[in-house]
Amino acid sequence: MLEIDEGDFGFDYKAIYIRENIRYYRGNSMQGTFFLGDRLLIEPVLFDDIHPGDIILYRRTDNAGNTEELVHRVVVKGEGELITRGDQNRCNDISPVQSDQIIGKVVATVSGRYEQVVVGGSKGLQRAKLRWVRLRWHYIAYRLSLYPYHIFRSSRIIFKYWRPIITKIHLKTDRGPLVKYIYNQRTIAIWEASSRRFFCRRPFDLVIFPPEDPQ
């Protein structure tokens, strides 16, 4: 997702926006390539001048009819359409990007006072493929670790050796009683009594378990 911060442009932001064609990055799908708050410099581009590996800005309409702007990398170029994918995504985007959806190509990023050229084309695609391979292996390793981690958690053996100082805060909300577990001024777990839902960050789920009754 992309967001335009009008405050950064001053009173005449529309004129500057049209002339410089800037977007501010936010989201997760291109994390690592772009970072939160990076200014993306967009250059108008013809469809024939787009190549696999380039990063494009395009419009998409969701199921509710709302229009949003996305920035993803081109993976495959077809007849009048492009297959795209986020550098941090494990799969290609489901819907191809049509030529009339394309706004432009991301040519550079600006973070603070530093401007950096965005690598596209075959070199950009090669870098992205290496990232996708790493993501796939991380996902496989994560899936393989789920079962032994579950067994380890069920045994509760770690509780004998690790007992972090955790503060419980009991709250009353519109959805009923709520318990927050705090460690070093950070919320690490939440228990919703009405729905009996329990959320806990790893590895604290090795020592924190849903209470039978938070009252």
N, C-alpha and C. Protein backbone atom coordinates (compact mmCIF):
# COMPACT_ATOMS: atom_id res chain seq x y z
N MET A 1 0.83 -1.20 0.00
CA MET A 1 0.00 0.00 0.00
C MET A 1 0.87 1.24 0.00
N LEU A 2 0.32 2.31 -0.58
CA LEU A 2 1.03 3.57 -0.63
C LEU A 2 0.15 4.66 -0.06
N GLU A 3 0.78 5.66 0.48
CA GLU A 3 0.03 6.75 1.09
C GLU A 3 0.73 8.07 0.80
N ILE A 4 -0.05 9.08 0.43
CA ILE A 4 0.50 10.40 0.20
C ILE A 4 0.30 11.24 1.45
N ASP A 5 1.37 11.73 2.01
CA ASP A 5 1.31 12.57 3.20
C ASP A 5 1.27 14.02 2.77
N GLU A 6 0.08 14.63 2.81
CA GLU A 6 -0.07 15.98 2.30
C GLU A 6 0.73 17.00 3.10
N GLY A 7 0.93 16.73 4.38
CA GLY A 7 1.63 17.69 5.23
C GLY A 7 3.06 17.92 4.81
N ASP A 8 3.67 16.92 4.18
CA ASP A 8 5.06 17.05 3.78
C ASP A 8 5.24 17.92 2.55
N PHE A 9 4.15 18.24 1.85
CA PHE A 9 4.25 19.03 0.64
C PHE A 9 3.97 20.51 0.86
N GLY A 10 3.41 20.87 2.01
CA GLY A 10 3.09 22.27 2.23
C GLY A 10 1.79 22.66 1.56
N PHE A 11 1.54 23.96 1.44
CA PHE A 11 0.24 24.43 0.97
C PHE A 11 0.02 24.15 -0.50
N ASP A 12 1.10 24.02 -1.28
CA ASP A 12 0.94 23.83 -2.71
C ASP A 12 1.30 22.40 -3.10
N TYR A 13 0.88 21.44 -2.25
CA TYR A 13 1.34 20.07 -2.45
C TYR A 13 0.85 19.48 -3.77
N LYS A 14 -0.33 19.89 -4.27
CA LYS A 14 -0.86 19.30 -5.50
C LYS A 14 0.04 19.62 -6.70
N ALA A 15 0.49 20.86 -6.78
CA ALA A 15 1.36 21.23 -7.90
C ALA A 15 2.68 20.48 -7.82
N ILE A 16 3.22 20.35 -6.61
CA ILE A 16 4.48 19.63 -6.44
C ILE A 16 4.28 18.16 -6.77
N TYR A 17 3.15 17.63 -6.34
CA TYR A 17 2.86 16.21 -6.57
C TYR A 17 2.81 15.91 -8.06
N ILE A 18 2.16 16.75 -8.83
CA ILE A 18 2.04 16.53 -10.27
C ILE A 18 3.40 16.65 -10.95
N ARG A 19 4.19 17.61 -10.51
CA ARG A 19 5.48 17.86 -11.18
C ARG A 19 6.50 16.78 -10.85
N GLU A 20 6.57 16.38 -9.57
CA GLU A 20 7.61 15.46 -9.16
C GLU A 20 7.15 14.00 -9.14
N ASN A 21 5.85 13.77 -9.08
CA ASN A 21 5.30 12.42 -9.09
C ASN A 21 5.95 11.55 -8.00
N ILE A 22 5.64 11.86 -6.76
CA ILE A 22 6.22 11.20 -5.60
C ILE A 22 5.15 10.42 -4.84
N ARG A 23 5.55 9.27 -4.32
CA ARG A 23 4.69 8.53 -3.39
C ARG A 23 5.52 8.21 -2.14
N TYR A 24 4.83 8.02 -1.01
CA TYR A 24 5.49 7.61 0.22
C TYR A 24 5.14 6.14 0.48
N TYR A 25 6.15 5.35 0.76
CA TYR A 25 5.92 3.92 0.90
C TYR A 25 5.46 3.55 2.31
N ARG A 26 4.50 2.66 2.36
CA ARG A 26 4.11 2.00 3.61
C ARG A 26 3.56 0.63 3.23
N GLY A 27 3.73 -0.32 4.10
CA GLY A 27 3.26 -1.68 3.81
C GLY A 27 4.34 -2.70 4.08
N ASN A 28 4.07 -3.94 3.67
CA ASN A 28 4.99 -5.04 3.94
C ASN A 28 5.50 -5.75 2.70
N SER A 29 4.78 -5.67 1.60
CA SER A 29 5.09 -6.52 0.45
C SER A 29 6.42 -6.20 -0.21
N MET A 30 6.96 -4.99 -0.01
CA MET A 30 8.25 -4.63 -0.61
C MET A 30 9.28 -4.28 0.46
N GLN A 31 9.02 -4.70 1.71
CA GLN A 31 9.96 -4.43 2.78
C GLN A 31 11.31 -5.06 2.48
N GLY A 32 12.37 -4.35 2.78
CA GLY A 32 13.71 -4.80 2.47
C GLY A 32 14.24 -4.09 1.24
N THR A 33 13.37 -3.93 0.25
CA THR A 33 13.70 -3.11 -0.92
C THR A 33 13.38 -1.67 -0.63
N PHE A 34 12.18 -1.42 -0.06
CA PHE A 34 11.78 -0.11 0.41
C PHE A 34 11.50 -0.20 1.91
N PHE A 35 11.57 0.95 2.57
CA PHE A 35 11.31 1.00 4.01
C PHE A 35 10.25 2.05 4.30
N LEU A 36 9.60 1.87 5.43
CA LEU A 36 8.49 2.73 5.80
C LEU A 36 8.91 4.20 5.75
N GLY A 37 8.15 4.99 4.99
CA GLY A 37 8.42 6.42 4.89
C GLY A 37 9.33 6.80 3.74
N ASP A 38 9.91 5.82 3.03
CA ASP A 38 10.74 6.16 1.87
C ASP A 38 9.92 6.90 0.83
N ARG A 39 10.54 7.93 0.24
CA ARG A 39 9.91 8.61 -0.89
C ARG A 39 10.27 7.85 -2.17
N LEU A 40 9.26 7.49 -2.93
CA LEU A 40 9.47 6.78 -4.18
C LEU A 40 9.30 7.76 -5.34
N LEU A 41 10.33 7.88 -6.16
CA LEU A 41 10.27 8.77 -7.32
C LEU A 41 9.75 7.98 -8.51
N ILE A 42 8.64 8.43 -9.06
CA ILE A 42 7.96 7.72 -10.13
C ILE A 42 8.21 8.42 -11.46
N GLU A 43 8.51 7.62 -12.48
CA GLU A 43 8.76 8.15 -13.82
C GLU A 43 7.73 7.58 -14.78
N PRO A 44 7.05 8.42 -15.56
CA PRO A 44 6.11 7.88 -16.56
C PRO A 44 6.83 6.93 -17.50
N VAL A 45 6.15 5.87 -17.91
CA VAL A 45 6.80 4.87 -18.74
C VAL A 45 5.80 4.26 -19.71
N LEU A 46 6.25 3.96 -20.91
CA LEU A 46 5.43 3.27 -21.89
C LEU A 46 5.47 1.78 -21.60
N PHE A 47 4.40 1.08 -21.96
CA PHE A 47 4.35 -0.36 -21.70
C PHE A 47 5.50 -1.08 -22.38
N ASP A 48 5.84 -0.68 -23.58
CA ASP A 48 6.92 -1.34 -24.32
C ASP A 48 8.28 -1.18 -23.65
N ASP A 49 8.41 -0.16 -22.78
CA ASP A 49 9.69 0.11 -22.12
C ASP A 49 9.80 -0.54 -20.74
N ILE A 50 8.77 -1.31 -20.36
CA ILE A 50 8.81 -2.02 -19.09
C ILE A 50 9.38 -3.41 -19.31
N HIS A 51 10.28 -3.83 -18.42
CA HIS A 51 10.93 -5.14 -18.55
C HIS A 51 10.78 -5.92 -17.24
N PRO A 52 10.80 -7.25 -17.31
CA PRO A 52 10.79 -8.04 -16.08
C PRO A 52 11.92 -7.61 -15.15
N GLY A 53 11.58 -7.42 -13.89
CA GLY A 53 12.55 -6.92 -12.92
C GLY A 53 12.33 -5.48 -12.56
N ASP A 54 11.62 -4.72 -13.40
CA ASP A 54 11.30 -3.33 -13.08
C ASP A 54 10.24 -3.28 -11.99
N ILE A 55 10.25 -2.22 -11.22
CA ILE A 55 9.24 -2.01 -10.18
C ILE A 55 8.28 -0.93 -10.66
N ILE A 56 7.01 -1.26 -10.68
CA ILE A 56 6.02 -0.33 -11.22
C ILE A 56 5.01 0.09 -10.16
N LEU A 57 4.41 1.24 -10.41
CA LEU A 57 3.29 1.73 -9.60
C LEU A 57 2.04 1.59 -10.45
N TYR A 58 1.00 0.98 -9.90
CA TYR A 58 -0.21 0.76 -10.69
C TYR A 58 -1.45 0.87 -9.81
N ARG A 59 -2.59 1.06 -10.46
CA ARG A 59 -3.87 1.15 -9.77
C ARG A 59 -4.57 -0.19 -9.80
N ARG A 60 -5.31 -0.46 -8.71
CA ARG A 60 -6.09 -1.69 -8.63
C ARG A 60 -7.41 -1.38 -7.94
N THR A 61 -8.48 -2.01 -8.39
CA THR A 61 -9.79 -1.84 -7.78
C THR A 61 -10.14 -3.10 -7.01
N ASP A 62 -10.47 -2.96 -5.71
CA ASP A 62 -10.79 -4.14 -4.90
C ASP A 62 -12.23 -4.56 -5.11
N ASN A 63 -12.65 -5.60 -4.39
CA ASN A 63 -14.00 -6.15 -4.56
C ASN A 63 -15.08 -5.17 -4.15
N ALA A 64 -14.73 -4.21 -3.28
CA ALA A 64 -15.71 -3.22 -2.83
C ALA A 64 -15.79 -2.02 -3.77
N GLY A 65 -14.98 -2.02 -4.82
CA GLY A 65 -14.98 -0.93 -5.77
C GLY A 65 -14.06 0.21 -5.42
N ASN A 66 -13.24 0.03 -4.39
CA ASN A 66 -12.29 1.07 -3.99
C ASN A 66 -11.01 0.96 -4.80
N THR A 67 -10.47 2.10 -5.19
CA THR A 67 -9.24 2.13 -5.97
C THR A 67 -8.05 2.37 -5.05
N GLU A 68 -7.01 1.58 -5.21
CA GLU A 68 -5.80 1.73 -4.43
C GLU A 68 -4.59 1.67 -5.36
N GLU A 69 -3.46 2.17 -4.87
CA GLU A 69 -2.22 2.13 -5.63
C GLU A 69 -1.26 1.15 -4.98
N LEU A 70 -0.61 0.36 -5.81
CA LEU A 70 0.35 -0.64 -5.33
C LEU A 70 1.67 -0.48 -6.07
N VAL A 71 2.72 -0.90 -5.41
CA VAL A 71 4.04 -0.90 -6.05
C VAL A 71 4.63 -2.30 -5.89
N HIS A 72 4.81 -3.00 -7.02
CA HIS A 72 5.35 -4.36 -7.03
C HIS A 72 6.32 -4.51 -8.19
N ARG A 73 7.05 -5.62 -8.17
CA ARG A 73 8.04 -5.88 -9.21
C ARG A 73 7.42 -6.73 -10.32
N VAL A 74 7.79 -6.42 -11.56
CA VAL A 74 7.32 -7.19 -12.72
C VAL A 74 8.10 -8.51 -12.79
N VAL A 75 7.35 -9.60 -12.88
CA VAL A 75 7.98 -10.92 -12.98
C VAL A 75 7.95 -11.43 -14.42
N VAL A 76 6.80 -11.29 -15.05
CA VAL A 76 6.62 -11.76 -16.43
C VAL A 76 5.88 -10.69 -17.22
N LYS A 77 6.30 -10.49 -18.45
CA LYS A 77 5.63 -9.53 -19.33
C LYS A 77 4.94 -10.29 -20.45
N GLY A 78 3.63 -10.05 -20.60
CA GLY A 78 2.87 -10.70 -21.65
C GLY A 78 2.32 -9.69 -22.64
N GLU A 79 1.34 -10.11 -23.40
CA GLU A 79 0.71 -9.23 -24.39
C GLU A 79 -0.26 -8.29 -23.70
N GLY A 80 0.18 -7.07 -23.42
CA GLY A 80 -0.69 -6.06 -22.82
C GLY A 80 -0.92 -6.22 -21.34
N GLU A 81 -0.20 -7.14 -20.68
CA GLU A 81 -0.38 -7.32 -19.25
C GLU A 81 0.92 -7.78 -18.60
N LEU A 82 0.99 -7.59 -17.30
CA LEU A 82 2.19 -7.92 -16.53
C LEU A 82 1.83 -8.78 -15.32
N ILE A 83 2.68 -9.75 -15.03
CA ILE A 83 2.56 -10.52 -13.80
C ILE A 83 3.52 -9.90 -12.79
N THR A 84 3.02 -9.56 -11.61
CA THR A 84 3.83 -8.86 -10.61
C THR A 84 3.91 -9.65 -9.31
N ARG A 85 4.81 -9.17 -8.46
CA ARG A 85 5.00 -9.82 -7.16
C ARG A 85 5.75 -8.88 -6.23
N GLY A 86 5.38 -8.87 -4.97
CA GLY A 86 6.12 -8.10 -3.99
C GLY A 86 7.41 -8.82 -3.62
N ASP A 87 8.47 -8.08 -3.37
CA ASP A 87 9.75 -8.69 -3.04
C ASP A 87 9.70 -9.48 -1.74
N GLN A 88 8.71 -9.19 -0.90
CA GLN A 88 8.58 -9.87 0.39
C GLN A 88 7.45 -10.88 0.37
N ASN A 89 6.85 -11.12 -0.81
CA ASN A 89 5.74 -12.07 -0.93
C ASN A 89 6.23 -13.42 -1.43
N ARG A 90 5.58 -14.49 -0.99
CA ARG A 90 5.99 -15.83 -1.39
C ARG A 90 5.41 -16.26 -2.73
N CYS A 91 4.39 -15.53 -3.23
CA CYS A 91 3.72 -15.92 -4.47
C CYS A 91 3.51 -14.71 -5.37
N ASN A 92 3.33 -14.99 -6.66
CA ASN A 92 2.98 -13.92 -7.60
C ASN A 92 1.58 -13.39 -7.29
N ASP A 93 1.33 -12.16 -7.70
CA ASP A 93 -0.01 -11.59 -7.54
C ASP A 93 -1.00 -12.37 -8.41
N ILE A 94 -2.22 -12.52 -7.90
CA ILE A 94 -3.23 -13.32 -8.60
C ILE A 94 -3.68 -12.64 -9.90
N SER A 95 -3.96 -11.35 -9.83
CA SER A 95 -4.49 -10.64 -10.99
C SER A 95 -3.38 -9.97 -11.78
N PRO A 96 -3.32 -10.21 -13.10
CA PRO A 96 -2.33 -9.52 -13.93
C PRO A 96 -2.62 -8.02 -13.98
N VAL A 97 -1.58 -7.24 -14.19
CA VAL A 97 -1.71 -5.79 -14.31
C VAL A 97 -1.87 -5.45 -15.79
N GLN A 98 -2.97 -4.78 -16.13
CA GLN A 98 -3.20 -4.38 -17.51
C GLN A 98 -2.45 -3.08 -17.80
N SER A 99 -2.21 -2.84 -19.07
CA SER A 99 -1.42 -1.66 -19.46
C SER A 99 -2.06 -0.36 -19.01
N ASP A 100 -3.42 -0.32 -18.99
CA ASP A 100 -4.08 0.94 -18.61
C ASP A 100 -4.09 1.17 -17.10
N GLN A 101 -3.61 0.21 -16.31
CA GLN A 101 -3.52 0.37 -14.87
C GLN A 101 -2.19 0.99 -14.43
N ILE A 102 -1.22 0.99 -15.32
CA ILE A 102 0.13 1.40 -14.96
C ILE A 102 0.23 2.92 -14.84
N ILE A 103 0.77 3.38 -13.72
CA ILE A 103 1.00 4.81 -13.50
C ILE A 103 2.41 5.20 -13.88
N GLY A 104 3.37 4.37 -13.54
CA GLY A 104 4.76 4.67 -13.87
C GLY A 104 5.71 3.65 -13.28
N LYS A 105 6.99 3.92 -13.42
CA LYS A 105 8.04 3.04 -12.92
C LYS A 105 8.78 3.73 -11.78
N VAL A 106 9.09 2.96 -10.73
CA VAL A 106 9.86 3.50 -9.61
C VAL A 106 11.32 3.52 -10.02
N VAL A 107 11.92 4.72 -10.06
CA VAL A 107 13.30 4.85 -10.54
C VAL A 107 14.28 5.13 -9.42
N ALA A 108 13.80 5.65 -8.28
CA ALA A 108 14.71 5.97 -7.18
C ALA A 108 13.92 6.10 -5.89
N THR A 109 14.63 5.97 -4.78
CA THR A 109 14.06 6.20 -3.46
C THR A 109 14.86 7.29 -2.77
N VAL A 110 14.17 8.04 -1.91
CA VAL A 110 14.82 9.08 -1.13
C VAL A 110 14.51 8.83 0.34
N SER A 111 15.55 8.66 1.14
CA SER A 111 15.42 8.49 2.57
C SER A 111 16.29 9.53 3.25
N GLY A 112 15.64 10.50 3.90
CA GLY A 112 16.39 11.62 4.45
C GLY A 112 16.96 12.45 3.32
N ARG A 113 18.28 12.64 3.32
CA ARG A 113 18.93 13.41 2.26
C ARG A 113 19.53 12.52 1.17
N TYR A 114 19.36 11.21 1.30
CA TYR A 114 20.04 10.30 0.40
C TYR A 114 19.08 9.75 -0.65
N GLU A 115 19.50 9.82 -1.90
CA GLU A 115 18.73 9.27 -3.01
C GLU A 115 19.45 8.05 -3.55
N GLN A 116 18.69 6.99 -3.81
CA GLN A 116 19.28 5.76 -4.31
C GLN A 116 18.51 5.27 -5.52
N VAL A 117 19.24 4.92 -6.57
CA VAL A 117 18.61 4.41 -7.79
C VAL A 117 18.04 3.03 -7.54
N VAL A 118 16.84 2.77 -8.01
CA VAL A 118 16.20 1.47 -7.87
C VAL A 118 16.70 0.55 -8.99
N VAL A 119 17.17 -0.61 -8.61
CA VAL A 119 17.69 -1.57 -9.59
C VAL A 119 16.52 -2.35 -10.19
N GLY A 120 16.38 -2.29 -11.51
CA GLY A 120 15.33 -3.00 -12.20
C GLY A 120 15.91 -3.92 -13.26
N GLY A 121 15.08 -4.33 -14.22
CA GLY A 121 15.55 -5.18 -15.29
C GLY A 121 16.03 -6.54 -14.80
N SER A 122 16.91 -7.17 -15.59
CA SER A 122 17.38 -8.52 -15.26
C SER A 122 18.12 -8.57 -13.94
N LYS A 123 18.90 -7.53 -13.63
CA LYS A 123 19.64 -7.52 -12.37
C LYS A 123 18.68 -7.41 -11.18
N GLY A 124 17.68 -6.57 -11.30
CA GLY A 124 16.69 -6.44 -10.23
C GLY A 124 15.92 -7.72 -10.02
N LEU A 125 15.56 -8.41 -11.12
CA LEU A 125 14.82 -9.67 -11.02
C LEU A 125 15.68 -10.75 -10.39
N GLN A 126 16.97 -10.75 -10.71
CA GLN A 126 17.88 -11.74 -10.12
C GLN A 126 17.98 -11.56 -8.61
N ARG A 127 18.08 -10.32 -8.17
CA ARG A 127 18.13 -10.06 -6.73
C ARG A 127 16.84 -10.49 -6.05
N ALA A 128 15.73 -10.19 -6.70
CA ALA A 128 14.43 -10.56 -6.13
C ALA A 128 14.28 -12.07 -6.03
N LYS A 129 14.75 -12.80 -7.03
CA LYS A 129 14.65 -14.26 -7.02
C LYS A 129 15.44 -14.86 -5.85
N LEU A 130 16.61 -14.30 -5.57
CA LEU A 130 17.39 -14.76 -4.42
C LEU A 130 16.62 -14.53 -3.12
N ARG A 131 15.95 -13.39 -3.04
CA ARG A 131 15.15 -13.09 -1.85
C ARG A 131 13.99 -14.08 -1.73
N TRP A 132 13.35 -14.40 -2.86
CA TRP A 132 12.22 -15.33 -2.83
C TRP A 132 12.65 -16.74 -2.43
N VAL A 133 13.84 -17.15 -2.86
CA VAL A 133 14.37 -18.45 -2.44
C VAL A 133 14.57 -18.48 -0.93
N ARG A 134 15.14 -17.41 -0.38
CA ARG A 134 15.34 -17.34 1.06
C ARG A 134 14.01 -17.38 1.80
N LEU A 135 13.01 -16.65 1.28
CA LEU A 135 11.70 -16.64 1.91
C LEU A 135 11.09 -18.04 1.93
N ARG A 136 11.26 -18.76 0.83
CA ARG A 136 10.70 -20.11 0.75
C ARG A 136 11.35 -21.03 1.77
N TRP A 137 12.67 -20.96 1.90
CA TRP A 137 13.38 -21.81 2.86
C TRP A 137 13.02 -21.44 4.29
N HIS A 138 12.85 -20.15 4.55
CA HIS A 138 12.43 -19.72 5.88
C HIS A 138 11.04 -20.26 6.21
N TYR A 139 10.16 -20.25 5.20
CA TYR A 139 8.80 -20.75 5.41
C TYR A 139 8.82 -22.25 5.68
N ILE A 140 9.63 -23.00 4.90
CA ILE A 140 9.72 -24.44 5.09
C ILE A 140 10.27 -24.76 6.49
N ALA A 141 11.33 -24.03 6.88
CA ALA A 141 11.91 -24.24 8.20
C ALA A 141 10.90 -23.94 9.30
N TYR A 142 10.11 -22.89 9.10
CA TYR A 142 9.09 -22.53 10.09
C TYR A 142 8.05 -23.64 10.21
N ARG A 143 7.58 -24.16 9.08
CA ARG A 143 6.57 -25.21 9.11
C ARG A 143 7.10 -26.47 9.77
N LEU A 144 8.36 -26.81 9.49
CA LEU A 144 8.96 -28.00 10.08
C LEU A 144 9.14 -27.86 11.59
N SER A 145 9.29 -26.61 12.04
CA SER A 145 9.53 -26.39 13.47
C SER A 145 8.25 -26.39 14.30
N LEU A 146 7.10 -26.31 13.64
CA LEU A 146 5.84 -26.19 14.38
C LEU A 146 5.58 -27.39 15.28
N TYR A 147 5.75 -28.60 14.76
CA TYR A 147 5.40 -29.79 15.54
C TYR A 147 6.32 -29.95 16.76
N PRO A 148 7.65 -29.95 16.59
CA PRO A 148 8.50 -30.07 17.80
C PRO A 148 8.30 -28.93 18.78
N TYR A 149 8.02 -27.72 18.26
CA TYR A 149 7.78 -26.59 19.15
C TYR A 149 6.51 -26.83 19.97
N HIS A 150 5.48 -27.38 19.31
CA HIS A 150 4.22 -27.67 20.01
C HIS A 150 4.44 -28.71 21.11
N ILE A 151 5.24 -29.76 20.79
CA ILE A 151 5.53 -30.79 21.79
C ILE A 151 6.30 -30.19 22.96
N PHE A 152 7.28 -29.34 22.64
CA PHE A 152 8.09 -28.70 23.67
C PHE A 152 7.22 -27.82 24.56
N ARG A 153 6.28 -27.11 23.95
CA ARG A 153 5.38 -26.23 24.71
C ARG A 153 4.43 -27.04 25.59
N SER A 154 3.92 -28.14 25.06
CA SER A 154 2.97 -28.95 25.82
C SER A 154 3.62 -29.57 27.05
N SER A 155 4.91 -29.87 26.94
CA SER A 155 5.60 -30.48 28.08
C SER A 155 5.79 -29.52 29.25
N ARG A 156 5.79 -28.20 28.94
CA ARG A 156 5.95 -27.14 29.94
C ARG A 156 7.27 -27.26 30.72
N ILE A 157 8.23 -27.95 30.13
CA ILE A 157 9.49 -28.15 30.84
C ILE A 157 10.28 -26.85 30.98
N ILE A 158 10.12 -25.95 30.02
CA ILE A 158 10.89 -24.69 30.06
C ILE A 158 10.48 -23.85 31.27
N PHE A 159 9.25 -24.06 31.75
CA PHE A 159 8.74 -23.28 32.88
C PHE A 159 9.58 -23.51 34.15
N LYS A 160 10.27 -24.65 34.19
CA LYS A 160 11.10 -24.96 35.36
C LYS A 160 12.38 -24.13 35.38
N TYR A 161 12.79 -23.66 34.21
CA TYR A 161 14.09 -22.98 34.11
C TYR A 161 13.97 -21.49 33.74
N TRP A 162 12.85 -21.09 33.18
CA TRP A 162 12.69 -19.69 32.76
C TRP A 162 11.37 -19.15 33.30
N ARG A 163 11.48 -18.19 34.23
CA ARG A 163 10.28 -17.58 34.79
C ARG A 163 10.41 -16.06 34.73
N PRO A 164 10.17 -15.49 33.56
CA PRO A 164 10.27 -14.03 33.43
C PRO A 164 9.24 -13.32 34.29
N ILE A 165 9.57 -12.13 34.74
CA ILE A 165 8.65 -11.33 35.56
C ILE A 165 7.62 -10.68 34.64
N ILE A 166 6.40 -11.16 34.72
CA ILE A 166 5.33 -10.72 33.82
C ILE A 166 4.21 -10.10 34.65
N THR A 167 3.76 -8.92 34.24
CA THR A 167 2.68 -8.21 34.94
C THR A 167 1.36 -8.44 34.21
N LYS A 168 0.32 -8.77 34.97
CA LYS A 168 -1.01 -8.93 34.40
C LYS A 168 -1.84 -7.68 34.68
N ILE A 169 -2.48 -7.18 33.64
CA ILE A 169 -3.38 -6.03 33.79
C ILE A 169 -4.79 -6.47 33.38
N HIS A 170 -5.74 -6.37 34.32
CA HIS A 170 -7.13 -6.75 34.06
C HIS A 170 -7.91 -5.50 33.63
N LEU A 171 -8.56 -5.61 32.50
CA LEU A 171 -9.31 -4.48 31.94
C LEU A 171 -10.75 -4.89 31.67
N LYS A 172 -11.64 -3.89 31.71
CA LYS A 172 -13.02 -4.10 31.31
C LYS A 172 -13.26 -3.35 30.00
N THR A 173 -13.68 -4.07 28.98
CA THR A 173 -13.89 -3.47 27.67
C THR A 173 -15.33 -3.73 27.21
N ASP A 174 -15.70 -3.14 26.07
CA ASP A 174 -17.04 -3.34 25.52
C ASP A 174 -17.27 -4.80 25.15
N ARG A 175 -16.18 -5.53 24.89
CA ARG A 175 -16.30 -6.93 24.52
C ARG A 175 -16.11 -7.86 25.72
N GLY A 176 -16.08 -7.29 26.91
CA GLY A 176 -15.94 -8.09 28.11
C GLY A 176 -14.57 -7.97 28.74
N PRO A 177 -14.28 -8.76 29.78
CA PRO A 177 -13.00 -8.69 30.48
C PRO A 177 -11.83 -9.03 29.55
N LEU A 178 -10.74 -8.34 29.80
CA LEU A 178 -9.53 -8.54 28.99
C LEU A 178 -8.32 -8.54 29.92
N VAL A 179 -7.39 -9.45 29.68
CA VAL A 179 -6.16 -9.51 30.45
C VAL A 179 -4.97 -9.28 29.52
N LYS A 180 -4.14 -8.31 29.88
CA LYS A 180 -2.93 -8.04 29.12
C LYS A 180 -1.73 -8.48 29.95
N TYR A 181 -0.81 -9.14 29.31
CA TYR A 181 0.43 -9.60 29.96
C TYR A 181 1.56 -8.69 29.49
N ILE A 182 2.24 -8.06 30.43
CA ILE A 182 3.26 -7.06 30.12
C ILE A 182 4.63 -7.56 30.56
N TYR A 183 5.61 -7.44 29.66
CA TYR A 183 6.99 -7.79 29.99
C TYR A 183 7.89 -6.68 29.45
N ASN A 184 8.65 -6.05 30.34
CA ASN A 184 9.52 -4.93 29.95
C ASN A 184 8.75 -3.85 29.20
N GLN A 185 7.58 -3.49 29.73
CA GLN A 185 6.73 -2.43 29.19
C GLN A 185 6.22 -2.75 27.79
N ARG A 186 6.14 -4.03 27.45
CA ARG A 186 5.64 -4.44 26.14
C ARG A 186 4.58 -5.51 26.32
N THR A 187 3.47 -5.38 25.59
CA THR A 187 2.41 -6.37 25.65
C THR A 187 2.86 -7.63 24.91
N ILE A 188 2.89 -8.75 25.61
CA ILE A 188 3.35 -9.99 24.99
C ILE A 188 2.22 -11.01 24.85
N ALA A 189 1.09 -10.77 25.52
CA ALA A 189 -0.03 -11.70 25.42
C ALA A 189 -1.33 -11.00 25.80
N ILE A 190 -2.43 -11.51 25.24
CA ILE A 190 -3.77 -10.97 25.52
C ILE A 190 -4.74 -12.14 25.66
N TRP A 191 -5.58 -12.07 26.69
CA TRP A 191 -6.62 -13.07 26.91
C TRP A 191 -7.97 -12.39 26.89
N GLU A 192 -8.85 -12.80 25.96
CA GLU A 192 -10.21 -12.26 25.86
C GLU A 192 -11.14 -13.28 26.50
N ALA A 193 -11.72 -12.91 27.64
CA ALA A 193 -12.53 -13.87 28.40
C ALA A 193 -13.81 -14.26 27.66
N SER A 194 -14.48 -13.28 27.05
CA SER A 194 -15.78 -13.57 26.44
C SER A 194 -15.66 -14.56 25.27
N SER A 195 -14.66 -14.36 24.44
CA SER A 195 -14.47 -15.24 23.28
C SER A 195 -13.51 -16.38 23.57
N ARG A 196 -12.86 -16.32 24.77
CA ARG A 196 -11.88 -17.31 25.18
C ARG A 196 -10.75 -17.44 24.15
N ARG A 197 -10.36 -16.29 23.62
CA ARG A 197 -9.25 -16.25 22.66
C ARG A 197 -7.98 -15.78 23.36
N PHE A 198 -6.90 -16.45 23.03
CA PHE A 198 -5.61 -16.18 23.66
C PHE A 198 -4.56 -15.92 22.58
N PHE A 199 -3.89 -14.75 22.68
CA PHE A 199 -2.84 -14.39 21.73
C PHE A 199 -1.54 -14.21 22.52
N CYS A 200 -0.47 -14.84 22.06
CA CYS A 200 0.79 -14.75 22.79
C CYS A 200 1.96 -14.77 21.81
N ARG A 201 2.93 -13.87 22.06
CA ARG A 201 4.14 -13.83 21.23
C ARG A 201 5.09 -14.96 21.64
N ARG A 202 5.77 -15.48 20.63
CA ARG A 202 6.86 -16.42 20.92
C ARG A 202 8.06 -15.65 21.47
N PRO A 203 8.85 -16.24 22.36
CA PRO A 203 8.72 -17.58 22.96
C PRO A 203 7.95 -17.57 24.28
N PHE A 204 7.21 -16.48 24.54
CA PHE A 204 6.52 -16.38 25.82
C PHE A 204 5.37 -17.39 25.94
N ASP A 205 4.93 -17.95 24.81
CA ASP A 205 3.89 -18.97 24.89
C ASP A 205 4.41 -20.27 25.49
N LEU A 206 5.73 -20.32 25.75
CA LEU A 206 6.29 -21.47 26.44
C LEU A 206 6.05 -21.39 27.95
N VAL A 207 5.77 -20.19 28.45
CA VAL A 207 5.60 -20.03 29.90
C VAL A 207 4.28 -19.36 30.28
N ILE A 208 3.51 -18.89 29.29
CA ILE A 208 2.21 -18.28 29.56
C ILE A 208 1.13 -19.13 28.90
N PHE A 209 0.09 -19.44 29.66
CA PHE A 209 -1.00 -20.27 29.14
C PHE A 209 -2.33 -19.60 29.45
N PRO A 210 -3.36 -19.85 28.64
CA PRO A 210 -4.67 -19.20 28.88
C PRO A 210 -5.22 -19.54 30.25
N PRO A 211 -5.65 -18.55 31.01
CA PRO A 211 -6.24 -18.82 32.33
C PRO A 211 -7.65 -19.41 32.17
N GLU A 212 -8.04 -20.23 33.10
CA GLU A 212 -9.39 -20.79 33.08
C GLU A 212 -10.43 -19.71 33.32
N ASP A 213 -10.08 -18.76 34.21
CA ASP A 213 -11.01 -17.66 34.51
C ASP A 213 -10.17 -16.45 34.89
N PRO A 214 -10.16 -15.38 34.07
CA PRO A 214 -9.33 -14.22 34.35
C PRO A 214 -9.85 -13.35 35.48
N GLN A 215 -11.04 -13.66 35.98
CA GLN A 215 -11.59 -12.81 37.04
C GLN A 215 -10.84 -13.02 38.35
